[in-house]
Amino acid sequence: MKHDIELVEKAIKGDAQAFEQLLFKEEQMLYYKALSYVGRKEDALDVIQETTCKAFLAI
């Protein structure tokens, strides 16, 4: 958990690699959550891509 907090802090400061590491750690959860909303693999991947982009730009 401490490592995740450190990654989040780095990502907030603009560290793209830390942001990417956070995504890799949570990719399975993100995928299944998106899939539960949209129902199709392709749509779930699109949702994740859009959300990731928006999150990165918002930081």
Protein backbone atom coordinates (compact mmCIF):
# COMPACT_ATOMS: atom_id res chain seq x y z
CA MET A 1 0.00 0.00 0.00
CA LYS A 2 2.83 2.41 0.84
CA HIS A 3 4.30 1.86 -2.62
CA ASP A 4 0.97 2.69 -4.22
CA ILE A 5 0.78 5.97 -2.34
CA GLU A 6 4.30 6.83 -3.47
CA LEU A 7 3.34 6.01 -7.08
CA VAL A 8 0.23 8.17 -6.83
CA GLU A 9 2.25 11.07 -5.45
CA LYS A 10 4.80 10.73 -8.25
CA ALA A 11 2.04 10.52 -10.87
CA ILE A 12 0.39 13.65 -9.48
CA LYS A 13 3.72 15.45 -9.82
CA GLY A 14 3.79 14.52 -13.52
CA ASP A 15 5.76 11.26 -13.53
CA ALA A 16 4.29 9.44 -16.55
CA GLN A 17 6.10 6.21 -15.69
CA ALA A 18 4.52 6.15 -12.21
CA PHE A 19 1.11 6.72 -13.78
CA GLU A 20 1.73 3.83 -16.15
CA GLN A 21 2.80 1.56 -13.28
CA LEU A 22 -0.44 2.37 -11.46
CA LEU A 23 -2.42 1.44 -14.55
CA PHE A 24 -0.60 -1.87 -14.92
CA LYS A 25 -1.29 -2.70 -11.27
CA GLU A 26 -5.00 -2.04 -11.72
CA GLU A 27 -5.53 -3.10 -15.34
CA GLN A 28 -7.52 -6.24 -14.60
CA MET A 29 -9.86 -4.46 -12.17
CA LEU A 30 -10.31 -1.57 -14.64
CA TYR A 31 -11.09 -3.96 -17.48
CA TYR A 32 -13.70 -5.98 -15.59
CA LYS A 33 -15.31 -2.86 -14.15
CA ALA A 34 -15.59 -1.30 -17.62
CA LEU A 35 -16.83 -4.58 -19.07
CA SER A 36 -19.55 -4.78 -16.43
CA TYR A 37 -20.84 -1.39 -17.58
CA VAL A 38 -20.62 -1.73 -21.35
CA GLY A 39 -20.85 -5.50 -21.90
CA ARG A 40 -18.45 -5.85 -24.87
CA LYS A 41 -14.69 -6.33 -24.83
CA GLU A 42 -14.02 -3.73 -27.51
CA ASP A 43 -16.20 -1.14 -25.81
CA ALA A 44 -14.57 -1.84 -22.44
CA LEU A 45 -11.12 -1.27 -23.94
CA ASP A 46 -12.32 2.00 -25.50
CA VAL A 47 -13.70 3.14 -22.15
CA ILE A 48 -10.41 2.36 -20.43
CA GLN A 49 -8.45 4.22 -23.09
CA GLU A 50 -10.65 7.33 -22.84
CA THR A 51 -10.66 7.27 -19.06
CA THR A 52 -6.89 6.81 -18.87
CA CYS A 53 -6.30 9.72 -21.23
CA LYS A 54 -8.64 12.00 -19.29
CA ALA A 55 -7.08 10.99 -15.96
CA PHE A 56 -3.57 11.65 -17.22
CA LEU A 57 -4.50 15.05 -18.61
CA ALA A 58 -6.33 15.96 -15.39
CA ILE A 59 -3.24 15.30 -13.30
